[in-house]
PDB file of all heavy atoms in Angstrom:
ATOM      1  N   THR A   1       0.850  -1.173   0.001  1.00  0.00           N
ATOM      2  CA  THR A   1      -0.003   0.008  -0.014  1.00  0.00           C
ATOM      3  C   THR A   1       0.915   1.241   0.012  1.00  0.00           C
ATOM      4  O   THR A   1       1.801   1.328   0.812  1.00  0.00           O
ATOM      5  CB  THR A   1      -0.943   0.036   1.239  1.00  0.00           C
ATOM      6  OG1 THR A   1      -1.747  -1.138   1.182  1.00  0.00           O
ATOM      7  CG2 THR A   1      -1.788   1.250   1.269  1.00  0.00           C
ATOM      8  N   ILE A   2       0.634   2.125  -0.944  1.00  0.00           N
ATOM      9  CA  ILE A   2       1.380   3.377  -1.063  1.00  0.00           C
ATOM     10  C   ILE A   2       0.419   4.524  -0.831  1.00  0.00           C
ATOM     11  O   ILE A   2      -0.638   4.597  -1.496  1.00  0.00           O
ATOM     12  CB  ILE A   2       2.072   3.501  -2.437  1.00  0.00           C
ATOM     13  CG1 ILE A   2       3.010   2.327  -2.652  1.00  0.00           C
ATOM     14  CG2 ILE A   2       2.806   4.839  -2.558  1.00  0.00           C
ATOM     15  CD1 ILE A   2       3.589   2.254  -4.049  1.00  0.00           C
ATOM     16  N   MET A   3       0.750   5.425   0.082  1.00  0.00           N
ATOM     17  CA  MET A   3      -0.126   6.551   0.427  1.00  0.00           C
ATOM     18  C   MET A   3       0.693   7.836   0.264  1.00  0.00           C
ATOM     19  O   MET A   3       1.828   7.896   0.681  1.00  0.00           O
ATOM     20  CB  MET A   3      -0.644   6.449   1.806  1.00  0.00           C
ATOM     21  CG  MET A   3      -1.571   5.242   1.996  1.00  0.00           C
ATOM     22  SD  MET A   3      -2.102   5.002   3.715  1.00  0.00           S
ATOM     23  CE  MET A   3      -0.616   4.269   4.369  1.00  0.00           C
ATOM     24  N   SER A   4       0.053   8.854  -0.317  1.00  0.00           N
ATOM     25  CA  SER A   4       0.723  10.149  -0.486  1.00  0.00           C
ATOM     26  C   SER A   4      -0.303  11.287  -0.485  1.00  0.00           C
ATOM     27  O   SER A   4      -1.284  11.243  -1.247  1.00  0.00           O
ATOM     28  CB  SER A   4       1.493  10.184  -1.782  1.00  0.00           C
ATOM     29  OG  SER A   4       2.048  11.506  -1.975  1.00  0.00           O
ATOM     30  N   PRO A   5      -0.071  12.302   0.369  1.00  0.00           N
ATOM     31  CA  PRO A   5      -0.924  13.463   0.303  1.00  0.00           C
ATOM     32  C   PRO A   5      -0.678  14.321  -0.942  1.00  0.00           C
ATOM     33  O   PRO A   5      -1.453  15.193  -1.285  1.00  0.00           O
ATOM     34  CB  PRO A   5      -0.599  14.251   1.593  1.00  0.00           C
ATOM     35  CG  PRO A   5       0.806  13.814   1.901  1.00  0.00           C
ATOM     36  CD  PRO A   5       0.933  12.405   1.413  1.00  0.00           C
ATOM     37  N   ASP A   6       0.429  14.058  -1.636  1.00  0.00           N
ATOM     38  CA  ASP A   6       0.794  14.819  -2.833  1.00  0.00           C
ATOM     39  C   ASP A   6       0.277  14.211  -4.129  1.00  0.00           C
ATOM     40  O   ASP A   6       0.361  14.850  -5.187  1.00  0.00           O
ATOM     41  CB  ASP A   6       2.310  14.953  -2.913  1.00  0.00           C
ATOM     42  CG  ASP A   6       2.888  15.604  -1.669  1.00  0.00           C
ATOM     43  OD1 ASP A   6       2.437  16.726  -1.347  1.00  0.00           O
ATOM     44  OD2 ASP A   6       3.770  15.012  -1.045  1.00  0.00           O
ATOM     45  N   ALA A   7      -0.242  12.976  -4.073  1.00  0.00           N
ATOM     46  CA  ALA A   7      -0.796  12.307  -5.271  1.00  0.00           C
ATOM     47  C   ALA A   7      -2.277  12.599  -5.376  1.00  0.00           C
ATOM     48  O   ALA A   7      -2.925  13.068  -4.412  1.00  0.00           O
ATOM     49  CB  ALA A   7      -0.531  10.824  -5.163  1.00  0.00           C
ATOM     50  N   THR A   8      -2.826  12.302  -6.530  1.00  0.00           N
ATOM     51  CA  THR A   8      -4.297  12.487  -6.716  1.00  0.00           C
ATOM     52  C   THR A   8      -4.894  11.146  -7.160  1.00  0.00           C
ATOM     53  O   THR A   8      -4.241  10.329  -7.806  1.00  0.00           O
ATOM     54  CB  THR A   8      -4.592  13.540  -7.810  1.00  0.00           C
ATOM     55  OG1 THR A   8      -3.936  13.163  -9.025  1.00  0.00           O
ATOM     56  CG2 THR A   8      -4.108  14.910  -7.396  1.00  0.00           C
ATOM     57  N   VAL A   9      -6.126  10.946  -6.750  1.00  0.00           N
ATOM     58  CA  VAL A   9      -6.877   9.726  -7.153  1.00  0.00           C
ATOM     59  C   VAL A   9      -6.912   9.695  -8.676  1.00  0.00           C
ATOM     60  O   VAL A   9      -7.205  10.700  -9.315  1.00  0.00           O
ATOM     61  CB  VAL A   9      -8.272   9.715  -6.510  1.00  0.00           C
ATOM     62  CG1 VAL A   9      -9.100   8.584  -7.074  1.00  0.00           C
ATOM     63  CG2 VAL A   9      -8.169   9.610  -4.994  1.00  0.00           C
ATOM     64  N   GLY A  10      -6.622   8.538  -9.241  1.00  0.00           N
ATOM     65  CA  GLY A  10      -6.597   8.370 -10.686  1.00  0.00           C
ATOM     66  C   GLY A  10      -5.203   8.461 -11.292  1.00  0.00           C
ATOM     67  O   GLY A  10      -5.014   8.057 -12.442  1.00  0.00           O
ATOM     68  N   GLU A  11      -4.275   8.946 -10.519  1.00  0.00           N
ATOM     69  CA  GLU A  11      -2.888   9.033 -11.015  1.00  0.00           C
ATOM     70  C   GLU A  11      -2.278   7.639 -11.030  1.00  0.00           C
ATOM     71  O   GLU A  11      -2.337   6.895 -10.061  1.00  0.00           O
ATOM     72  CB  GLU A  11      -2.077   9.947 -10.071  1.00  0.00           C
ATOM     73  CG  GLU A  11      -0.690  10.243 -10.558  1.00  0.00           C
ATOM     74  CD  GLU A  11      -0.022  11.304  -9.693  1.00  0.00           C
ATOM     75  OE1 GLU A  11      -0.563  11.731  -8.664  1.00  0.00           O
ATOM     76  OE2 GLU A  11       1.082  11.727 -10.072  1.00  0.00           O
ATOM     77  N   GLY A  12      -1.667   7.286 -12.153  1.00  0.00           N
ATOM     78  CA  GLY A  12      -1.067   5.972 -12.315  1.00  0.00           C
ATOM     79  C   GLY A  12       0.463   6.033 -12.312  1.00  0.00           C
ATOM     80  O   GLY A  12       1.051   7.093 -12.471  1.00  0.00           O
ATOM     81  N   PHE A  13       1.077   4.882 -12.118  1.00  0.00           N
ATOM     82  CA  PHE A  13       2.523   4.775 -12.118  1.00  0.00           C
ATOM     83  C   PHE A  13       2.941   3.356 -12.428  1.00  0.00           C
ATOM     84  O   PHE A  13       2.084   2.429 -12.410  1.00  0.00           O
ATOM     85  CB  PHE A  13       3.081   5.233 -10.744  1.00  0.00           C
ATOM     86  CG  PHE A  13       2.521   4.467  -9.582  1.00  0.00           C
ATOM     87  CD1 PHE A  13       3.126   3.313  -9.083  1.00  0.00           C
ATOM     88  CD2 PHE A  13       1.347   4.899  -8.968  1.00  0.00           C
ATOM     89  CE1 PHE A  13       2.591   2.638  -8.014  1.00  0.00           C
ATOM     90  CE2 PHE A  13       0.811   4.230  -7.907  1.00  0.00           C
ATOM     91  CZ  PHE A  13       1.434   3.076  -7.405  1.00  0.00           C
ATOM     92  N   LEU A  14       4.223   3.169 -12.719  1.00  0.00           N
ATOM     93  CA  LEU A  14       4.769   1.844 -12.929  1.00  0.00           C
ATOM     94  C   LEU A  14       5.597   1.495 -11.701  1.00  0.00           C
ATOM     95  O   LEU A  14       6.463   2.273 -11.282  1.00  0.00           O
ATOM     96  CB  LEU A  14       5.678   1.796 -14.192  1.00  0.00           C
ATOM     97  CG  LEU A  14       6.381   0.466 -14.418  1.00  0.00           C
ATOM     98  CD1 LEU A  14       5.358  -0.601 -14.810  1.00  0.00           C
ATOM     99  CD2 LEU A  14       7.442   0.620 -15.493  1.00  0.00           C
ATOM    100  N   LEU A  15       5.301   0.350 -11.105  1.00  0.00           N
ATOM    101  CA  LEU A  15       6.008  -0.092  -9.907  1.00  0.00           C
ATOM    102  C   LEU A  15       6.999  -1.208 -10.304  1.00  0.00           C
ATOM    103  O   LEU A  15       6.663  -2.084 -11.088  1.00  0.00           O
ATOM    104  CB  LEU A  15       5.043  -0.657  -8.885  1.00  0.00           C
ATOM    105  CG  LEU A  15       5.646  -1.163  -7.561  1.00  0.00           C
ATOM    106  CD1 LEU A  15       6.107   0.033  -6.731  1.00  0.00           C
ATOM    107  CD2 LEU A  15       4.617  -1.997  -6.799  1.00  0.00           C
ATOM    108  N   GLU A  16       8.214  -1.109  -9.768  1.00  0.00           N
ATOM    109  CA  GLU A  16       9.224  -2.164 -10.033  1.00  0.00           C
ATOM    110  C   GLU A  16       9.887  -2.549  -8.709  1.00  0.00           C
ATOM    111  O   GLU A  16      10.263  -1.687  -7.927  1.00  0.00           O
ATOM    112  CB  GLU A  16      10.287  -1.698 -10.997  1.00  0.00           C
ATOM    113  CG  GLU A  16      11.351  -2.725 -11.267  1.00  0.00           C
ATOM    114  CD  GLU A  16      12.386  -2.275 -12.263  1.00  0.00           C
ATOM    115  OE1 GLU A  16      12.114  -2.448 -13.468  1.00  0.00           O
ATOM    116  OE2 GLU A  16      13.445  -1.768 -11.835  1.00  0.00           O
ATOM    117  N   ILE A  17      10.010  -3.840  -8.495  1.00  0.00           N
ATOM    118  CA  ILE A  17      10.758  -4.356  -7.355  1.00  0.00           C
ATOM    119  C   ILE A  17      11.978  -5.066  -7.918  1.00  0.00           C
ATOM    120  O   ILE A  17      11.875  -5.907  -8.819  1.00  0.00           O
ATOM    121  CB  ILE A  17       9.899  -5.315  -6.502  1.00  0.00           C
ATOM    122  CG1 ILE A  17       8.742  -4.549  -5.883  1.00  0.00           C
ATOM    123  CG2 ILE A  17      10.774  -6.003  -5.409  1.00  0.00           C
ATOM    124  CD1 ILE A  17       7.777  -5.393  -5.078  1.00  0.00           C
ATOM    125  N   HIS A  18      13.175  -4.696  -7.412  1.00  0.00           N
ATOM    126  CA  HIS A  18      14.442  -5.237  -7.925  1.00  0.00           C
ATOM    127  C   HIS A  18      15.216  -5.802  -6.761  1.00  0.00           C
ATOM    128  O   HIS A  18      15.458  -5.110  -5.771  1.00  0.00           O
ATOM    129  CB  HIS A  18      15.235  -4.110  -8.612  1.00  0.00           C
ATOM    130  CG  HIS A  18      16.602  -4.508  -9.035  1.00  0.00           C
ATOM    131  ND1 HIS A  18      17.691  -3.745  -8.827  1.00  0.00           N
ATOM    132  CD2 HIS A  18      17.048  -5.609  -9.693  1.00  0.00           C
ATOM    133  CE1 HIS A  18      18.771  -4.331  -9.309  1.00  0.00           C
ATOM    134  NE2 HIS A  18      18.402  -5.494  -9.830  1.00  0.00           N
ATOM    135  N   ASP A  19      15.603  -7.072  -6.883  1.00  0.00           N
ATOM    136  CA  ASP A  19      16.472  -7.722  -5.905  1.00  0.00           C
ATOM    137  C   ASP A  19      17.915  -7.664  -6.441  1.00  0.00           C
ATOM    138  O   ASP A  19      18.271  -8.436  -7.337  1.00  0.00           O
ATOM    139  CB  ASP A  19      16.047  -9.179  -5.691  1.00  0.00           C
ATOM    140  CG  ASP A  19      16.843  -9.900  -4.647  1.00  0.00           C
ATOM    141  OD1 ASP A  19      17.929  -9.408  -4.267  1.00  0.00           O
ATOM    142  OD2 ASP A  19      16.407 -10.974  -4.199  1.00  0.00           O
ATOM    143  N   PRO A  20      18.719  -6.682  -6.005  1.00  0.00           N
ATOM    144  CA  PRO A  20      20.064  -6.496  -6.584  1.00  0.00           C
ATOM    145  C   PRO A  20      20.968  -7.713  -6.386  1.00  0.00           C
ATOM    146  O   PRO A  20      21.880  -7.916  -7.156  1.00  0.00           O
ATOM    147  CB  PRO A  20      20.642  -5.295  -5.834  1.00  0.00           C
ATOM    148  CG  PRO A  20      19.539  -4.693  -5.061  1.00  0.00           C
ATOM    149  CD  PRO A  20      18.428  -5.693  -4.972  1.00  0.00           C
ATOM    150  N   ASN A  21      20.701  -8.509  -5.366  1.00  0.00           N
ATOM    151  CA  ASN A  21      21.538  -9.687  -5.099  1.00  0.00           C
ATOM    152  C   ASN A  21      21.364 -10.754  -6.171  1.00  0.00           C
ATOM    153  O   ASN A  21      22.319 -11.393  -6.563  1.00  0.00           O
ATOM    154  CB  ASN A  21      21.257 -10.273  -3.718  1.00  0.00           C
ATOM    155  CG  ASN A  21      21.672  -9.316  -2.632  1.00  0.00           C
ATOM    156  OD1 ASN A  21      22.823  -8.941  -2.520  1.00  0.00           O
ATOM    157  ND2 ASN A  21      20.711  -8.855  -1.846  1.00  0.00           N
ATOM    158  N   SER A  22      20.162 -10.949  -6.656  1.00  0.00           N
ATOM    159  CA  SER A  22      19.886 -11.956  -7.682  1.00  0.00           C
ATOM    160  C   SER A  22      19.773 -11.325  -9.086  1.00  0.00           C
ATOM    161  O   SER A  22      19.860 -12.042 -10.071  1.00  0.00           O
ATOM    162  CB  SER A  22      18.576 -12.710  -7.385  1.00  0.00           C
ATOM    163  OG  SER A  22      17.479 -11.823  -7.487  1.00  0.00           O
ATOM    164  N   GLY A  23      19.498 -10.028  -9.101  1.00  0.00           N
ATOM    165  CA  GLY A  23      19.251  -9.353 -10.396  1.00  0.00           C
ATOM    166  C   GLY A  23      17.830  -9.457 -10.849  1.00  0.00           C
ATOM    167  O   GLY A  23      17.461  -8.928 -11.892  1.00  0.00           O
ATOM    168  N   ASN A  24      16.980 -10.198 -10.115  1.00  0.00           N
ATOM    169  CA  ASN A  24      15.597 -10.383 -10.513  1.00  0.00           C
ATOM    170  C   ASN A  24      14.775  -9.108 -10.345  1.00  0.00           C
ATOM    171  O   ASN A  24      15.005  -8.343  -9.404  1.00  0.00           O
ATOM    172  CB  ASN A  24      14.935 -11.506  -9.693  1.00  0.00           C
ATOM    173  CG  ASN A  24      15.550 -12.857 -10.001  1.00  0.00           C
ATOM    174  OD1 ASN A  24      16.118 -13.080 -11.057  1.00  0.00           O
ATOM    175  ND2 ASN A  24      15.467 -13.775  -9.037  1.00  0.00           N
ATOM    176  N   LYS A  25      13.800  -8.923 -11.285  1.00  0.00           N
ATOM    177  CA  LYS A  25      12.916  -7.757 -11.236  1.00  0.00           C
ATOM    178  C   LYS A  25      11.489  -8.185 -11.526  1.00  0.00           C
ATOM    179  O   LYS A  25      11.242  -9.138 -12.289  1.00  0.00           O
ATOM    180  CB  LYS A  25      13.319  -6.714 -12.298  1.00  0.00           C
ATOM    181  CG  LYS A  25      14.659  -6.088 -12.079  1.00  0.00           C
ATOM    182  CD  LYS A  25      14.958  -5.062 -13.179  1.00  0.00           C
ATOM    183  CE  LYS A  25      16.329  -4.474 -13.002  1.00  0.00           C
ATOM    184  NZ  LYS A  25      16.603  -3.466 -14.022  1.00  0.00           N
ATOM    185  N   TRP A  26      10.559  -7.460 -10.921  1.00  0.00           N
ATOM    186  CA  TRP A  26       9.141  -7.617 -11.200  1.00  0.00           C
ATOM    187  C   TRP A  26       8.529  -6.245 -11.405  1.00  0.00           C
ATOM    188  O   TRP A  26       8.895  -5.287 -10.709  1.00  0.00           O
ATOM    189  CB  TRP A  26       8.456  -8.309 -10.014  1.00  0.00           C
ATOM    190  CG  TRP A  26       8.946  -9.687  -9.770  1.00  0.00           C
ATOM    191  CD1 TRP A  26       8.399 -10.839 -10.239  1.00  0.00           C
ATOM    192  CD2 TRP A  26      10.066 -10.082  -8.989  1.00  0.00           C
ATOM    193  NE1 TRP A  26       9.120 -11.922  -9.813  1.00  0.00           N
ATOM    194  CE2 TRP A  26      10.181 -11.462  -9.048  1.00  0.00           C
ATOM    195  CE3 TRP A  26      11.033  -9.379  -8.261  1.00  0.00           C
ATOM    196  CZ2 TRP A  26      11.173 -12.189  -8.413  1.00  0.00           C
ATOM    197  CZ3 TRP A  26      12.061 -10.085  -7.632  1.00  0.00           C
ATOM    198  CH2 TRP A  26      12.097 -11.490  -7.695  1.00  0.00           C
ATOM    199  N   GLN A  27       7.618  -6.099 -12.353  1.00  0.00           N
ATOM    200  CA  GLN A  27       6.998  -4.820 -12.666  1.00  0.00           C
ATOM    201  C   GLN A  27       5.501  -4.944 -12.811  1.00  0.00           C
ATOM    202  O   GLN A  27       5.003  -6.029 -13.161  1.00  0.00           O
ATOM    203  CB  GLN A  27       7.527  -4.254 -13.977  1.00  0.00           C
ATOM    204  CG  GLN A  27       8.957  -3.903 -14.003  1.00  0.00           C
ATOM    205  CD  GLN A  27       9.373  -3.374 -15.373  1.00  0.00           C
ATOM    206  OE1 GLN A  27       8.713  -3.556 -16.373  1.00  0.00           O
ATOM    207  NE2 GLN A  27      10.502  -2.677 -15.421  1.00  0.00           N
ATOM    208  N   GLY A  28       4.833  -3.858 -12.641  1.00  0.00           N
ATOM    209  CA  GLY A  28       3.396  -3.809 -12.879  1.00  0.00           C
ATOM    210  C   GLY A  28       2.843  -2.405 -12.666  1.00  0.00           C
ATOM    211  O   GLY A  28       3.483  -1.571 -12.064  1.00  0.00           O
ATOM    212  N   PRO A  29       1.642  -2.192 -13.187  1.00  0.00           N
ATOM    213  CA  PRO A  29       1.036  -0.870 -13.056  1.00  0.00           C
ATOM    214  C   PRO A  29       0.443  -0.699 -11.665  1.00  0.00           C
ATOM    215  O   PRO A  29       0.003  -1.659 -11.008  1.00  0.00           O
ATOM    216  CB  PRO A  29      -0.051  -0.891 -14.139  1.00  0.00           C
ATOM    217  CG  PRO A  29      -0.419  -2.325 -14.241  1.00  0.00           C
ATOM    218  CD  PRO A  29       0.840  -3.110 -14.005  1.00  0.00           C
ATOM    219  N   GLY A  30       0.438   0.527 -11.219  1.00  0.00           N
ATOM    220  CA  GLY A  30      -0.223   0.898  -9.974  1.00  0.00           C
ATOM    221  C   GLY A  30      -1.054   2.151 -10.219  1.00  0.00           C
ATOM    222  O   GLY A  30      -0.824   2.887 -11.173  1.00  0.00           O
ATOM    223  N   SER A  31      -2.043   2.368  -9.383  1.00  0.00           N
ATOM    224  CA  SER A  31      -2.878   3.530  -9.542  1.00  0.00           C
ATOM    225  C   SER A  31      -3.425   3.940  -8.180  1.00  0.00           C
ATOM    226  O   SER A  31      -3.820   3.068  -7.367  1.00  0.00           O
ATOM    227  CB  SER A  31      -4.053   3.199 -10.480  1.00  0.00           C
ATOM    228  OG  SER A  31      -4.930   4.295 -10.587  1.00  0.00           O
ATOM    229  N   PHE A  32      -3.417   5.229  -7.912  1.00  0.00           N
ATOM    230  CA  PHE A  32      -4.038   5.777  -6.716  1.00  0.00           C
ATOM    231  C   PHE A  32      -5.538   5.748  -6.932  1.00  0.00           C
ATOM    232  O   PHE A  32      -6.034   6.506  -7.783  1.00  0.00           O
ATOM    233  CB  PHE A  32      -3.508   7.194  -6.408  1.00  0.00           C
ATOM    234  CG  PHE A  32      -2.089   7.184  -5.973  1.00  0.00           C
ATOM    235  CD1 PHE A  32      -1.095   7.547  -6.910  1.00  0.00           C
ATOM    236  CD2 PHE A  32      -1.716   6.839  -4.694  1.00  0.00           C
ATOM    237  CE1 PHE A  32       0.231   7.551  -6.498  1.00  0.00           C
ATOM    238  CE2 PHE A  32      -0.401   6.842  -4.276  1.00  0.00           C
ATOM    239  CZ  PHE A  32       0.598   7.213  -5.195  1.00  0.00           C
ATOM    240  N   SER A  33      -6.246   4.880  -6.264  1.00  0.00           N
ATOM    241  CA  SER A  33      -7.656   4.640  -6.556  1.00  0.00           C
ATOM    242  C   SER A  33      -8.600   5.025  -5.432  1.00  0.00           C
ATOM    243  O   SER A  33      -9.796   4.898  -5.560  1.00  0.00           O
ATOM    244  CB  SER A  33      -7.877   3.172  -6.944  1.00  0.00           C
ATOM    245  OG  SER A  33      -7.471   2.347  -5.842  1.00  0.00           O
ATOM    246  N   ASP A  34      -8.032   5.467  -4.329  1.00  0.00           N
ATOM    247  CA  ASP A  34      -8.872   5.768  -3.157  1.00  0.00           C
ATOM    248  C   ASP A  34      -8.234   6.925  -2.403  1.00  0.00           C
ATOM    249  O   ASP A  34      -7.078   7.249  -2.601  1.00  0.00           O
ATOM    250  CB  ASP A  34      -8.997   4.512  -2.276  1.00  0.00           C
ATOM    251  CG  ASP A  34     -10.052   4.638  -1.198  1.00  0.00           C
ATOM    252  OD1 ASP A  34     -10.926   5.533  -1.302  1.00  0.00           O
ATOM    253  OD2 ASP A  34     -10.041   3.822  -0.256  1.00  0.00           O
ATOM    254  N   GLU A  35      -8.980   7.535  -1.485  1.00  0.00           N
ATOM    255  CA  GLU A  35      -8.417   8.589  -0.653  1.00  0.00           C
ATOM    256  C   GLU A  35      -8.823   8.288   0.778  1.00  0.00           C
ATOM    257  O   GLU A  35      -9.959   7.944   1.077  1.00  0.00           O
ATOM    258  CB  GLU A  35      -8.939   9.968  -1.059  1.00  0.00           C
ATOM    259  CG  GLU A  35      -8.283  11.068  -0.277  1.00  0.00           C
ATOM    260  CD  GLU A  35      -8.645  12.460  -0.767  1.00  0.00           C
ATOM    261  OE1 GLU A  35      -8.886  12.630  -1.961  1.00  0.00           O
ATOM    262  OE2 GLU A  35      -8.697  13.393   0.058  1.00  0.00           O
ATOM    263  N   GLN A  36      -7.839   8.388   1.678  1.00  0.00           N
ATOM    264  CA  GLN A  36      -8.077   8.174   3.111  1.00  0.00           C
ATOM    265  C   GLN A  36      -7.317   9.233   3.890  1.00  0.00           C
ATOM    266  O   GLN A  36      -6.127   9.443   3.694  1.00  0.00           O
ATOM    267  CB  GLN A  36      -7.568   6.791   3.530  1.00  0.00           C
ATOM    268  CG  GLN A  36      -8.330   5.651   2.901  1.00  0.00           C
ATOM    269  CD  GLN A  36      -7.731   4.296   3.280  1.00  0.00           C
ATOM    270  OE1 GLN A  36      -6.811   4.209   4.078  1.00  0.00           O
ATOM    271  NE2 GLN A  36      -8.237   3.255   2.665  1.00  0.00           N
ATOM    272  N   ALA A  37      -8.007   9.941   4.748  1.00  0.00           N
ATOM    273  CA  ALA A  37      -7.424  10.949   5.635  1.00  0.00           C
ATOM    274  C   ALA A  37      -6.518  11.942   4.885  1.00  0.00           C
ATOM    275  O   ALA A  37      -5.451  12.273   5.308  1.00  0.00           O
ATOM    276  CB  ALA A  37      -6.636  10.261   6.732  1.00  0.00           C
ATOM    277  N   GLY A  38      -6.992  12.358   3.712  1.00  0.00           N
ATOM    278  CA  GLY A  38      -6.265  13.396   2.928  1.00  0.00           C
ATOM    279  C   GLY A  38      -5.128  12.867   2.049  1.00  0.00           C
ATOM    280  O   GLY A  38      -4.393  13.640   1.475  1.00  0.00           O
ATOM    281  N   SER A  39      -4.955  11.542   2.017  1.00  0.00           N
ATOM    282  CA  SER A  39      -3.881  10.946   1.172  1.00  0.00           C
ATOM    283  C   SER A  39      -4.506  10.060   0.122  1.00  0.00           C
ATOM    284  O   SER A  39      -5.476   9.326   0.378  1.00  0.00           O
ATOM    285  CB  SER A  39      -2.952  10.098   2.040  1.00  0.00           C
ATOM    286  OG  SER A  39      -2.142  10.914   2.857  1.00  0.00           O
ATOM    287  N   ALA A  40      -3.935  10.104  -1.091  1.00  0.00           N
ATOM    288  CA  ALA A  40      -4.304   9.161  -2.149  1.00  0.00           C
ATOM    289  C   ALA A  40      -3.663   7.825  -1.810  1.00  0.00           C
ATOM    290  O   ALA A  40      -2.556   7.775  -1.298  1.00  0.00           O
ATOM    291  CB  ALA A  40      -3.830   9.676  -3.503  1.00  0.00           C
ATOM    292  N   VAL A  41      -4.416   6.756  -2.075  1.00  0.00           N
ATOM    293  CA  VAL A  41      -4.009   5.413  -1.697  1.00  0.00           C
ATOM    294  C   VAL A  41      -3.973   4.496  -2.906  1.00  0.00           C
ATOM    295  O   VAL A  41      -4.941   4.459  -3.683  1.00  0.00           O
ATOM    296  CB  VAL A  41      -4.942   4.832  -0.623  1.00  0.00           C
ATOM    297  CG1 VAL A  41      -4.536   3.411  -0.220  1.00  0.00           C
ATOM    298  CG2 VAL A  41      -4.978   5.731   0.586  1.00  0.00           C
ATOM    299  N   ALA A  42      -2.883   3.734  -3.059  1.00  0.00           N
ATOM    300  CA  ALA A  42      -2.768   2.706  -4.082  1.00  0.00           C
ATOM    301  C   ALA A  42      -2.476   1.382  -3.379  1.00  0.00           C
ATOM    302  O   ALA A  42      -1.563   1.287  -2.561  1.00  0.00           O
ATOM    303  CB  ALA A  42      -1.639   3.031  -5.057  1.00  0.00           C
ATOM    304  N   ASN A  43      -3.283   0.368  -3.681  1.00  0.00           N
ATOM    305  CA  ASN A  43      -3.068  -0.982  -3.144  1.00  0.00           C
ATOM    306  C   ASN A  43      -2.614  -1.876  -4.325  1.00  0.00           C
ATOM    307  O   ASN A  43      -3.329  -2.029  -5.294  1.00  0.00           O
ATOM    308  CB  ASN A  43      -4.335  -1.548  -2.542  1.00  0.00           C
ATOM    309  CG  ASN A  43      -4.711  -0.796  -1.287  1.00  0.00           C
ATOM    310  OD1 ASN A  43      -3.941  -0.687  -0.359  1.00  0.00           O
ATOM    311  ND2 ASN A  43      -5.906  -0.234  -1.277  1.00  0.00           N
ATOM    312  N   ILE A  44      -1.414  -2.445  -4.200  1.00  0.00           N
ATOM    313  CA  ILE A  44      -0.858  -3.273  -5.282  1.00  0.00           C
ATOM    314  C   ILE A  44      -0.626  -4.669  -4.753  1.00  0.00           C
ATOM    315  O   ILE A  44       0.294  -4.907  -3.951  1.00  0.00           O
ATOM    316  CB  ILE A  44       0.460  -2.680  -5.824  1.00  0.00           C
ATOM    317  CG1 ILE A  44       0.246  -1.292  -6.371  1.00  0.00           C
ATOM    318  CG2 ILE A  44       1.036  -3.566  -6.907  1.00  0.00           C
ATOM    319  CD1 ILE A  44       0.788  -0.207  -5.516  1.00  0.00           C
ATOM    320  N   PRO A  45      -1.443  -5.638  -5.176  1.00  0.00           N
ATOM    321  CA  PRO A  45      -1.189  -7.023  -4.811  1.00  0.00           C
ATOM    322  C   PRO A  45       0.121  -7.469  -5.485  1.00  0.00           C
ATOM    323  O   PRO A  45       0.269  -7.325  -6.700  1.00  0.00           O
ATOM    324  CB  PRO A  45      -2.369  -7.804  -5.386  1.00  0.00           C
ATOM    325  CG  PRO A  45      -3.416  -6.777  -5.693  1.00  0.00           C
ATOM    326  CD  PRO A  45      -2.670  -5.510  -5.955  1.00  0.00           C
ATOM    327  N   LEU A  46       1.077  -7.974  -4.700  1.00  0.00           N
ATOM    328  CA  LEU A  46       2.362  -8.277  -5.280  1.00  0.00           C
ATOM    329  C   LEU A  46       2.316  -9.468  -6.280  1.00  0.00           C
ATOM    330  O   LEU A  46       3.158  -9.554  -7.152  1.00  0.00           O
ATOM    331  CB  LEU A  46       3.377  -8.572  -4.198  1.00  0.00           C
ATOM    332  CG  LEU A  46       3.706  -7.376  -3.299  1.00  0.00           C
ATOM    333  CD1 LEU A  46       4.780  -7.692  -2.271  1.00  0.00           C
ATOM    334  CD2 LEU A  46       4.085  -6.141  -4.107  1.00  0.00           C
TER     335      LEU A  46
END
């Protein structure tokens, strides 16, 4: 879960997780789809 008061609902991004020890990477789209307590919230199932 990524939360930011500086983002807006509907704003999308590309998320990447990189394990430098193995060199493995995983990517996928993310989007701020909700707002809670003044912050835009993106939930990304890994």
